[in-house]
């Protein structure tokens, strides 16, 4: 595994949950929420650490965990949806796509 793993974090407001949701597309099922953007980010950082620790305990190879084509497509779909609603925090998705 890389010494300093870097993963994308997608943070968005969920009206259904009435919370910010933070997802890590490269780590299937790794997500967290929070009442604020900052709390969702802090919670997902903990979730990433726990996800990695669990994967290592199970002996999984984490040397490279790339986005699947489906995950990349979903990320791009969300970015296009957010472009239609510029007041809903699309900067996070834009940064994520630009870093790839």
Protein backbone atom coordinates (compact mmCIF):
# COMPACT_ATOMS: atom_id res chain seq x y z
CA UNK A 1 0.00 0.00 0.00
CA UNK A 2 1.19 3.54 -0.67
CA UNK A 3 2.71 5.36 2.27
CA UNK A 4 0.36 8.30 1.72
CA UNK A 5 -2.83 7.00 0.07
CA UNK A 6 -4.98 9.62 -1.60
CA UNK A 7 -8.63 9.07 -2.30
CA UNK A 8 -11.37 11.24 -3.71
CA UNK A 9 -14.04 12.42 -1.30
CA UNK A 10 -17.39 13.44 -2.72
CA UNK A 11 -19.45 15.56 -0.30
CA UNK A 12 -23.01 16.59 -1.01
CA UNK A 13 -26.17 17.62 0.80
CA UNK A 14 -28.88 14.95 1.04
CA UNK A 15 -32.34 16.39 1.45
CA UNK A 16 -33.67 12.90 2.22
CA UNK A 17 -31.22 12.42 5.10
CA UNK A 18 -31.06 16.10 6.09
CA UNK A 19 -27.30 15.71 6.34
CA UNK A 20 -24.12 16.10 4.35
CA UNK A 21 -22.98 12.79 2.87
CA UNK A 22 -19.29 12.09 2.22
CA UNK A 23 -18.44 9.18 -0.08
CA UNK A 24 -15.08 7.72 -1.13
CA UNK A 25 -15.67 6.25 -4.60
CA UNK A 26 -12.43 4.23 -4.66
CA UNK A 27 -13.36 2.36 -1.47
CA UNK A 28 -16.66 0.53 -2.01
CA UNK A 29 -19.15 1.24 0.74
CA UNK A 30 -16.93 3.81 2.44
CA UNK A 31 -19.12 6.75 3.37
CA UNK A 32 -20.14 8.88 6.32
CA UNK A 33 -22.48 11.73 7.11
CA UNK A 34 -22.62 14.79 9.30
CA UNK A 35 -24.81 17.72 10.24
CA UNK A 36 -22.23 20.04 8.67
CA UNK A 37 -19.84 19.79 5.74
CA UNK A 38 -16.89 19.79 8.14
CA UNK A 39 -18.38 17.05 10.33
CA UNK A 40 -19.09 14.84 7.29
CA UNK A 41 -15.47 15.31 6.18
CA UNK A 42 -14.10 14.47 9.64
CA UNK A 43 -16.35 11.41 9.86
CA UNK A 44 -15.36 10.10 6.44
CA UNK A 45 -11.67 10.45 7.30
CA UNK A 46 -12.30 8.08 10.20
CA UNK A 47 -14.29 5.78 7.92
CA UNK A 48 -11.36 5.65 5.45
CA UNK A 49 -8.95 4.66 8.22
CA UNK A 50 -11.33 1.96 9.42
CA UNK A 51 -12.00 0.73 5.86
CA UNK A 52 -8.27 0.39 5.19
CA UNK A 53 -7.61 -1.32 8.54
CA UNK A 54 -10.40 -3.82 7.88
CA UNK A 55 -9.19 -4.52 4.34
CA UNK A 56 -5.65 -5.08 5.63
CA UNK A 57 -6.91 -7.38 8.39
CA UNK A 58 -8.67 -9.42 5.69
CA UNK A 59 -5.44 -9.59 3.67
CA UNK A 60 -6.68 -7.53 0.74
CA UNK A 61 -4.16 -5.94 -1.63
CA UNK A 62 -4.52 -2.18 -1.40
CA UNK A 63 -1.50 -1.27 -3.51
CA UNK A 64 -3.80 0.43 -5.98
CA UNK A 65 -7.51 0.95 -5.62
CA UNK A 66 -8.59 2.70 -8.83
CA UNK A 67 -12.03 3.92 -9.72
CA UNK A 68 -13.97 1.48 -11.81
CA UNK A 69 -15.44 2.73 -15.07
CA UNK A 70 -18.89 2.66 -13.44
CA UNK A 71 -17.67 4.75 -10.48
CA UNK A 72 -16.06 7.31 -12.80
CA UNK A 73 -19.25 7.48 -14.87
CA UNK A 74 -21.32 8.01 -11.71
CA UNK A 75 -18.97 10.74 -10.51
CA UNK A 76 -19.23 12.51 -13.87
CA UNK A 77 -23.03 12.10 -13.85
CA UNK A 78 -23.21 13.74 -10.43
CA UNK A 79 -20.99 16.59 -11.58
CA UNK A 80 -23.27 17.23 -14.55
CA UNK A 81 -26.30 17.17 -12.25
CA UNK A 82 -24.64 19.67 -9.91
CA UNK A 83 -23.85 21.95 -12.83
CA UNK A 84 -27.60 22.36 -13.16
CA UNK A 85 -27.75 23.41 -9.45
CA UNK A 86 -24.71 25.64 -8.87
CA UNK A 87 -25.69 26.49 -5.29
CA UNK A 88 -25.38 22.89 -4.04
CA UNK A 89 -21.60 22.56 -3.53
CA UNK A 90 -20.34 21.39 -6.88
CA UNK A 91 -16.83 22.64 -6.09
CA UNK A 92 -16.04 19.35 -4.36
CA UNK A 93 -16.99 17.28 -7.38
CA UNK A 94 -15.19 19.66 -9.73
CA UNK A 95 -12.00 19.42 -7.64
CA UNK A 96 -12.29 15.66 -7.57
CA UNK A 97 -12.57 15.42 -11.35
CA UNK A 98 -9.75 17.91 -11.95
CA UNK A 99 -7.39 15.94 -9.67
CA UNK A 100 -7.78 12.77 -11.75
